[in-house]
């Protein structure tokens, strides 16, 4: 497959950089880098951390302005968003059985009170007793949702929705995809996407097929004025198997050192296919995928730099999932998910490095916010996350 040119991209398959070079590239201090790497590595014998050190919780407060107006705002007010998956228990709540906000209309009202100005959908279903009924995945439902968004000064900025499973596309899948594009336009979205990776495979041939499919879908979306995006989990930033000896099924067993989504960026049309980086899962990938077996059989080290990838492919990352985590040495991922601004991921450095503050659309997400024992938790934590995002300020030099 002929790659699409990207003159800003640098080769990911490089020899291991010294820790000092890594530390400088990630914009963290020597003491913070050494302290955190030592703490994590001490409990991770099987999978040592070679990646960036996060901001420690005690340092976090010094990065926040808490409304006093000092320093450059890193996430402008009109760009502060949340994916509704974070409050899925509230949209699914029966309004006849609770006094808490229930269904899309009341949840929009509460999120607007918190300060949010953007939402990303995760489907269009709610409780059947909420206004509009359970399924708003229709043209009529989209018009109702749009009226509620407008009432509360909110803008829809994406959806984790329908991506056809067929390829080549069946007529039914193509028609359903076009219906979702129509819904996206009614809702006023610039972007429409999915919560999954383009493929779960590690093999280059499968990523080539995925690229062909996404280029075709992206062309359909572009004709409707929509940017189509895919969303990552950690495995998509693992290493592509693209060479070396073949296994008994004729598949490559070794890597050039390029990561799967880096390759996807290379072989998809930048005018048609966009990405949403889940920053938490990108940091999990940094923790997990730091060495690979090269085509010649040697073991090589390559530390993933999430912000560096964004800056190399600048405009192709219009959206983020702003999901925080605390360092973990026990769960195999390096991080435990927590509400935004209460963890160790250094968002001040990340947002400062990627820049383009009026182009990026960071969406707060916390998979764990809904609680079986505390029905108010997800909306309460949404407020905590908003306040922490609003408080981010660029460090003064």
Protein backbone atom coordinates (compact mmCIF):
# COMPACT_ATOMS: atom_id res chain seq x y z
CA UNK A 1 0.00 0.00 0.00
CA UNK A 2 1.32 3.44 -0.89
CA UNK A 3 1.62 5.60 2.24
CA UNK A 4 0.15 9.06 2.31
CA UNK A 5 2.99 11.54 2.76
CA UNK A 6 3.42 13.26 6.10
CA UNK A 7 6.52 15.46 6.02
CA UNK A 8 6.21 16.24 9.74
CA UNK A 9 6.48 12.60 10.78
CA UNK A 10 9.69 11.17 12.19
CA UNK A 11 10.63 7.51 12.06
CA UNK A 12 9.30 5.65 15.09
CA UNK A 13 11.70 2.75 14.69
CA UNK A 14 14.68 4.35 16.36
CA UNK A 15 17.28 3.06 18.72
CA UNK A 16 16.63 3.52 22.42
CA UNK A 17 17.08 7.07 23.64
CA UNK A 18 18.84 7.65 26.94
CA UNK A 19 16.58 8.47 29.89
CA UNK A 20 17.86 12.05 29.97
CA UNK A 21 16.81 12.61 26.36
CA UNK A 22 13.42 11.07 27.11
CA UNK A 23 12.94 13.22 30.19
CA UNK A 24 13.64 16.41 28.24
CA UNK A 25 11.31 15.43 25.40
CA UNK A 26 8.47 14.90 27.84
CA UNK A 27 8.96 18.18 29.66
CA UNK A 28 9.29 16.85 33.21
CA UNK A 29 11.83 17.68 35.88
CA UNK A 30 14.71 15.37 36.73
CA UNK A 31 13.60 14.79 40.31
CA UNK A 32 10.00 14.04 39.28
CA UNK A 33 11.19 11.71 36.52
CA UNK A 34 13.56 9.74 38.72
CA UNK A 35 11.27 9.59 41.75
CA UNK A 36 8.25 8.29 39.91
CA UNK A 37 10.10 5.85 37.66
CA UNK A 38 11.81 4.39 40.73
CA UNK A 39 8.51 4.04 42.59
CA UNK A 40 6.77 2.30 39.71
CA UNK A 41 9.66 0.08 38.73
CA UNK A 42 10.00 -1.15 42.29
CA UNK A 43 6.65 -2.93 42.02
CA UNK A 44 6.75 -3.91 38.34
CA UNK A 45 9.44 -6.52 37.98
CA UNK A 46 7.73 -8.30 35.08
CA UNK A 47 6.97 -5.12 33.13
CA UNK A 48 9.19 -2.19 34.13
CA UNK A 49 8.18 1.35 33.30
CA UNK A 50 10.37 3.05 30.76
CA UNK A 51 8.01 5.86 29.87
CA UNK A 52 7.37 9.38 31.02
CA UNK A 53 7.00 10.11 34.68
CA UNK A 54 3.66 11.67 35.57
CA UNK A 55 3.14 14.75 37.66
CA UNK A 56 3.00 13.74 41.30
CA UNK A 57 -0.22 14.52 43.10
CA UNK A 58 1.46 16.91 45.53
CA UNK A 59 2.89 18.91 42.62
CA UNK A 60 -0.46 19.07 40.86
CA UNK A 61 -1.88 21.90 42.94
CA UNK A 62 0.95 24.23 41.98
CA UNK A 63 0.01 23.82 38.33
CA UNK A 64 -3.58 24.90 38.91
CA UNK A 65 -4.78 28.47 39.06
CA UNK A 66 -8.20 27.77 40.63
CA UNK A 67 -9.81 30.75 38.95
CA UNK A 68 -7.36 33.50 39.85
CA UNK A 69 -6.52 34.26 36.22
CA UNK A 70 -2.75 33.74 36.35
CA UNK A 71 -1.16 32.25 33.26
CA UNK A 72 -2.49 31.05 29.94
CA UNK A 73 -5.59 28.86 30.05
CA UNK A 74 -4.78 25.44 28.56
CA UNK A 75 -8.37 24.45 27.76
CA UNK A 76 -10.54 27.41 26.71
CA UNK A 77 -14.07 27.49 28.19
CA UNK A 78 -15.80 26.69 24.90
CA UNK A 79 -13.62 23.58 24.45
CA UNK A 80 -14.34 21.93 27.81
CA UNK A 81 -16.30 18.79 27.10
CA UNK A 82 -17.36 15.43 28.48
CA UNK A 83 -18.28 12.14 26.86
CA UNK A 84 -21.69 11.07 28.08
CA UNK A 85 -20.40 7.56 28.77
CA UNK A 86 -18.98 9.05 31.97
CA UNK A 87 -22.52 9.76 33.21
CA UNK A 88 -24.26 6.86 31.50
CA UNK A 89 -26.02 5.88 34.71
CA UNK A 90 -27.69 9.30 34.82
CA UNK A 91 -28.95 9.24 31.22
CA UNK A 92 -30.22 5.69 31.84
CA UNK A 93 -31.89 6.56 35.17
CA UNK A 94 -35.66 6.28 35.56
CA UNK A 95 -36.96 9.82 36.22
CA UNK A 96 -40.03 8.36 37.92
CA UNK A 97 -37.89 6.59 40.50
CA UNK A 98 -35.35 9.28 41.39
CA UNK A 99 -35.07 12.99 42.11
CA UNK A 100 -31.59 13.05 40.56
CA UNK A 101 -31.08 14.28 36.98
CA UNK A 102 -32.33 11.57 34.62
CA UNK A 103 -32.33 11.24 30.86
CA UNK A 104 -30.58 13.42 28.31
CA UNK A 105 -32.50 16.64 28.90
CA UNK A 106 -31.89 16.84 32.64
CA UNK A 107 -28.30 15.62 32.35
CA UNK A 108 -27.58 18.34 29.75
CA UNK A 109 -28.98 20.90 32.18
CA UNK A 110 -26.74 19.67 34.99
CA UNK A 111 -23.61 19.49 32.86
CA UNK A 112 -24.20 23.05 31.65
CA UNK A 113 -24.50 24.17 35.28
CA UNK A 114 -21.13 22.53 35.95
CA UNK A 115 -19.68 24.67 33.16
CA UNK A 116 -19.34 22.22 30.28
CA UNK A 117 -19.90 23.55 26.78
CA UNK A 118 -19.39 20.39 24.72
CA UNK A 119 -20.60 16.80 24.90
CA UNK A 120 -19.61 13.67 23.03
CA UNK A 121 -22.31 11.06 22.71
CA UNK A 122 -21.86 7.35 23.34
CA UNK A 123 -25.05 6.33 21.57
CA UNK A 124 -28.50 7.87 21.71
CA UNK A 125 -30.42 5.71 24.19
CA UNK A 126 -31.81 6.71 27.57
CA UNK A 127 -34.45 5.49 30.02
CA UNK A 128 -37.84 4.87 28.42
CA UNK A 129 -39.57 7.16 30.95
CA UNK A 130 -37.38 10.14 30.07
CA UNK A 131 -38.73 12.78 27.65
CA UNK A 132 -38.50 11.49 24.09
CA UNK A 133 -38.49 7.81 25.05
CA UNK A 134 -35.69 5.29 25.13
CA UNK A 135 -34.32 5.46 21.57
CA UNK A 136 -33.37 8.83 20.06
CA UNK A 137 -31.28 7.31 17.26
CA UNK A 138 -33.61 8.76 14.64
CA UNK A 139 -33.93 11.99 12.73
CA UNK A 140 -36.80 13.03 15.00
CA UNK A 141 -34.81 12.05 18.09
CA UNK A 142 -31.80 14.04 16.88
CA UNK A 143 -33.94 17.14 16.45
CA UNK A 144 -35.19 16.76 20.01
CA UNK A 145 -31.66 16.28 21.34
CA UNK A 146 -30.49 19.33 19.40
CA UNK A 147 -33.22 21.47 20.93
CA UNK A 148 -32.11 20.43 24.42
CA UNK A 149 -28.47 21.07 23.63
CA UNK A 150 -29.33 24.53 22.34
CA UNK A 151 -31.48 25.26 25.40
CA UNK A 152 -28.48 24.73 27.66
CA UNK A 153 -25.73 26.24 25.52
CA UNK A 154 -24.12 22.91 24.72
CA UNK A 155 -22.59 21.69 21.49
CA UNK A 156 -22.33 18.08 20.33
CA UNK A 157 -18.79 17.33 19.20
CA UNK A 158 -18.78 13.65 18.35
CA UNK A 159 -20.34 10.26 18.93
CA UNK A 160 -19.03 6.80 19.63
CA UNK A 161 -21.50 5.17 17.34
CA UNK A 162 -22.00 3.08 14.24
CA UNK A 163 -19.08 1.98 12.08
CA UNK A 164 -20.05 -0.71 9.54
CA UNK A 165 -18.68 -4.15 10.27
CA UNK A 166 -18.87 -5.18 6.62
CA UNK A 167 -16.13 -4.67 4.04
CA UNK A 168 -16.82 -4.20 1.21
CA UNK A 169 -19.78 -2.29 2.56
CA UNK A 170 -23.19 -3.90 2.32
CA UNK A 171 -26.05 -1.70 1.15
CA UNK A 172 -27.68 -1.94 4.58
CA UNK A 173 -24.51 -0.91 6.42
CA UNK A 174 -23.91 1.99 4.04
CA UNK A 175 -27.48 3.23 4.51
CA UNK A 176 -27.18 3.00 8.31
CA UNK A 177 -23.86 4.84 8.22
CA UNK A 178 -25.43 7.62 6.16
CA UNK A 179 -28.31 7.83 8.64
CA UNK A 180 -25.80 8.39 11.44
CA UNK A 181 -24.14 11.13 9.40
CA UNK A 182 -27.54 12.79 9.00
CA UNK A 183 -28.07 12.59 12.76
CA UNK A 184 -24.60 14.05 13.34
CA UNK A 185 -25.41 17.00 11.09
CA UNK A 186 -28.71 17.66 12.83
CA UNK A 187 -26.87 17.66 16.16
CA UNK A 188 -24.31 20.11 14.77
CA UNK A 189 -21.27 17.85 15.04
CA UNK A 190 -18.03 18.50 13.19
CA UNK A 191 -16.88 14.96 13.97
CA UNK A 192 -18.36 11.47 14.13
CA UNK A 193 -16.53 8.38 15.27
CA UNK A 194 -16.31 5.18 17.20
CA UNK A 195 -14.98 3.91 20.51
CA UNK A 196 -13.04 1.04 18.98
CA UNK A 197 -9.76 0.55 17.16
CA UNK A 198 -9.76 0.14 13.35
CA UNK A 199 -8.72 -3.50 13.84
CA UNK A 200 -7.62 -5.64 16.75
CA UNK A 201 -4.90 -7.29 14.67
CA UNK A 202 -1.14 -6.82 15.00
CA UNK A 203 -0.43 -7.62 11.34
CA UNK A 204 0.30 -5.02 8.68
CA UNK A 205 -1.93 -6.71 6.09
CA UNK A 206 -4.97 -6.29 8.36
CA UNK A 207 -4.15 -2.63 8.99
CA UNK A 208 -3.92 -2.12 5.22
CA UNK A 209 -7.45 -3.50 4.88
CA UNK A 210 -8.64 -1.29 7.75
CA UNK A 211 -7.07 1.74 6.07
CA UNK A 212 -8.89 1.02 2.80
CA UNK A 213 -12.17 0.75 4.68
CA UNK A 214 -11.65 3.91 6.71
CA UNK A 215 -10.59 5.90 3.66
CA UNK A 216 -13.84 4.86 1.98
CA UNK A 217 -15.94 5.70 5.04
CA UNK A 218 -14.08 8.97 5.50
CA UNK A 219 -14.86 9.96 1.92
CA UNK A 220 -18.57 9.35 2.52
CA UNK A 221 -18.41 11.39 5.74
CA UNK A 222 -16.51 14.22 4.07
CA UNK A 223 -19.23 14.58 1.44
CA UNK A 224 -21.64 15.17 4.34
CA UNK A 225 -19.32 17.74 5.96
CA UNK A 226 -18.24 15.43 8.81
CA UNK A 227 -14.74 14.40 9.93
CA UNK A 228 -14.65 10.68 10.71
CA UNK A 229 -12.47 9.63 13.65
CA UNK A 230 -11.31 6.48 15.36
CA UNK A 231 -10.50 6.15 19.06
CA UNK A 232 -7.65 4.20 20.64
CA UNK A 233 -7.14 1.82 23.48
CA UNK A 234 -3.68 0.74 24.61
CA UNK A 235 -3.19 -2.15 22.17
CA UNK A 236 -3.43 0.14 19.10
CA UNK A 237 -0.17 1.77 20.20
CA UNK A 238 1.60 -1.59 20.44
CA UNK A 239 4.13 -2.59 17.78
CA UNK A 240 3.09 -3.67 14.30
CA UNK A 241 4.22 -7.11 13.11
CA UNK A 242 5.54 -6.37 9.63
CA UNK A 243 8.63 -8.51 8.93
CA UNK A 244 11.05 -11.18 10.03
CA UNK A 245 10.46 -14.95 9.81
CA UNK A 246 6.91 -16.07 9.03
CA UNK A 247 4.89 -18.29 11.35
CA UNK A 248 3.17 -21.50 10.20
CA UNK A 249 0.28 -19.42 8.84
CA UNK A 250 2.56 -17.20 6.77
CA UNK A 251 2.33 -14.19 9.07
CA UNK A 252 5.26 -11.98 10.12
CA UNK A 253 6.61 -12.42 13.64
CA UNK A 254 8.80 -9.33 14.11
CA UNK A 255 8.52 -5.56 13.96
CA UNK A 256 10.14 -2.57 12.33
CA UNK A 257 9.33 -0.65 15.52
CA UNK A 258 6.44 1.34 14.07
CA UNK A 259 3.31 1.28 16.18
CA UNK A 260 -0.03 0.15 14.77
CA UNK A 261 -1.79 3.51 14.83
CA UNK A 262 1.34 5.25 13.58
CA UNK A 263 1.15 2.99 10.55
CA UNK A 264 -2.58 3.69 10.23
CA UNK A 265 -1.83 7.41 10.15
CA UNK A 266 0.72 6.77 7.42
CA UNK A 267 -1.59 4.79 5.13
CA UNK A 268 -4.83 6.71 5.57
CA UNK A 269 -5.69 9.94 3.81
CA UNK A 270 -5.28 12.92 6.20
CA UNK A 271 -8.17 14.62 4.43
CA UNK A 272 -10.51 11.74 5.26
CA UNK A 273 -9.50 10.03 8.51
CA UNK A 274 -8.97 11.62 11.94
CA UNK A 275 -8.12 10.36 15.39
CA UNK A 276 -9.20 10.87 18.97
CA UNK A 277 -6.43 10.04 21.42
CA UNK A 278 -7.51 8.54 24.71
CA UNK A 279 -4.69 9.97 26.78
CA UNK A 280 -5.08 7.48 29.62
CA UNK A 281 -4.84 4.46 27.32
CA UNK A 282 -1.94 6.07 25.48
CA UNK A 283 -0.09 6.22 28.80
CA UNK A 284 -0.97 2.59 29.46
CA UNK A 285 0.58 1.79 26.08
CA UNK A 286 3.69 3.74 27.10
CA UNK A 287 3.95 1.51 30.17
CA UNK A 288 3.30 -1.79 28.37
CA UNK A 289 4.91 -1.48 24.94
CA UNK A 290 8.51 -0.33 25.26
CA UNK A 291 10.54 -3.12 23.63
CA UNK A 292 10.14 -5.08 20.41
CA UNK A 293 11.91 -7.79 18.42
CA UNK A 294 13.38 -6.23 15.28
CA UNK A 295 13.45 -7.94 11.87
CA UNK A 296 17.02 -9.10 12.54
CA UNK A 297 16.00 -10.74 15.83
CA UNK A 298 17.55 -8.15 18.14
CA UNK A 299 15.59 -6.69 21.04
CA UNK A 300 15.17 -2.95 20.80
CA UNK A 301 13.74 -0.33 23.05
CA UNK A 302 11.38 2.44 21.92
CA UNK A 303 9.50 4.56 24.43
CA UNK A 304 6.10 5.83 23.32
CA UNK A 305 5.60 9.58 23.63
CA UNK A 306 1.84 10.33 23.31
CA UNK A 307 2.20 14.12 23.05
CA UNK A 308 5.02 13.71 20.55
CA UNK A 309 2.83 11.62 18.26
CA UNK A 310 0.10 14.27 18.37
CA UNK A 311 2.51 17.07 17.51
CA UNK A 312 3.95 15.08 14.60
CA UNK A 313 0.48 14.58 13.17
CA UNK A 314 -0.93 17.84 14.50
CA UNK A 315 -4.28 18.44 12.77
CA UNK A 316 -5.18 14.76 12.69
CA UNK A 317 -5.92 14.78 16.42
CA UNK A 318 -8.90 17.14 16.85
CA UNK A 319 -10.29 15.26 19.86
CA UNK A 320 -8.98 13.79 23.10
CA UNK A 321 -10.38 11.74 25.92
CA UNK A 322 -9.09 13.52 29.00
CA UNK A 323 -8.97 10.61 31.38
CA UNK A 324 -6.70 10.61 34.44
CA UNK A 325 -4.90 7.89 36.37
CA UNK A 326 -2.77 7.26 39.41
CA UNK A 327 0.39 5.19 39.17
CA UNK A 328 -0.21 1.50 39.85
CA UNK A 329 2.40 -1.21 40.24
CA UNK A 330 -0.08 -4.06 40.61
CA UNK A 331 -2.66 -4.03 37.81
CA UNK A 332 -0.44 -4.71 34.78
CA UNK A 333 -1.39 -1.39 33.14
CA UNK A 334 0.73 1.07 35.13
CA UNK A 335 -2.29 3.24 35.96
CA UNK A 336 -5.60 3.15 37.84
CA UNK A 337 -8.34 5.37 36.43
CA UNK A 338 -9.54 8.31 38.55
CA UNK A 339 -11.51 11.55 37.96
CA UNK A 340 -9.71 14.14 35.86
CA UNK A 341 -7.25 16.25 37.82
CA UNK A 342 -7.03 13.88 40.79
CA UNK A 343 -4.34 11.62 39.32
CA UNK A 344 -0.72 11.60 38.23
CA UNK A 345 -0.88 12.12 34.46
CA UNK A 346 0.79 15.44 33.76
CA UNK A 347 -1.92 17.21 31.80
CA UNK A 348 -0.28 20.60 32.17
CA UNK A 349 2.73 19.36 30.23
CA UNK A 350 0.64 17.34 27.77
CA UNK A 351 -1.69 20.17 26.76
CA UNK A 352 1.20 22.64 26.69
CA UNK A 353 3.14 20.43 24.32
CA UNK A 354 0.33 19.65 21.88
CA UNK A 355 -0.87 23.28 21.71
CA UNK A 356 -3.60 24.28 19.24
CA UNK A 357 -5.92 25.03 22.15
CA UNK A 358 -8.69 26.42 19.96
CA UNK A 359 -8.58 23.39 17.68
CA UNK A 360 -8.44 20.51 20.17
CA UNK A 361 -11.58 19.18 21.84
CA UNK A 362 -10.75 17.40 25.11
CA UNK A 363 -13.60 15.32 26.52
CA UNK A 364 -13.51 14.34 30.19
CA UNK A 365 -13.98 10.62 30.64
CA UNK A 366 -13.95 8.28 33.62
CA UNK A 367 -15.19 4.75 32.99
CA UNK A 368 -15.60 4.20 36.73
CA UNK A 369 -17.71 7.23 37.67
CA UNK A 370 -21.07 5.41 37.81
CA UNK A 371 -21.54 3.73 41.18
CA UNK A 372 -23.95 0.99 42.21
CA UNK A 373 -24.13 2.39 45.75
CA UNK A 374 -23.83 6.15 45.16
CA UNK A 375 -26.27 7.28 42.44
CA UNK A 376 -25.03 10.89 42.54
CA UNK A 377 -21.36 10.00 42.08
CA UNK A 378 -20.97 10.31 38.30
CA UNK A 379 -22.41 13.83 38.05
CA UNK A 380 -20.54 14.89 41.18
CA UNK A 381 -17.26 13.64 39.74
CA UNK A 382 -18.11 15.33 36.44
CA UNK A 383 -18.10 18.63 38.34
CA UNK A 384 -14.75 17.81 39.99
CA UNK A 385 -13.29 16.96 36.58
CA UNK A 386 -14.62 20.16 35.02
CA UNK A 387 -13.16 22.34 37.77
CA UNK A 388 -9.77 20.66 37.42
CA UNK A 389 -9.76 21.07 33.65
CA UNK A 390 -10.75 24.73 33.94
CA UNK A 391 -7.92 25.31 36.42
CA UNK A 392 -5.16 24.12 34.07
CA UNK A 393 -2.70 26.89 33.25
CA UNK A 394 0.46 26.84 31.20
CA UNK A 395 3.57 26.99 33.33
CA UNK A 396 5.47 30.24 33.23
CA UNK A 397 9.01 29.92 32.02
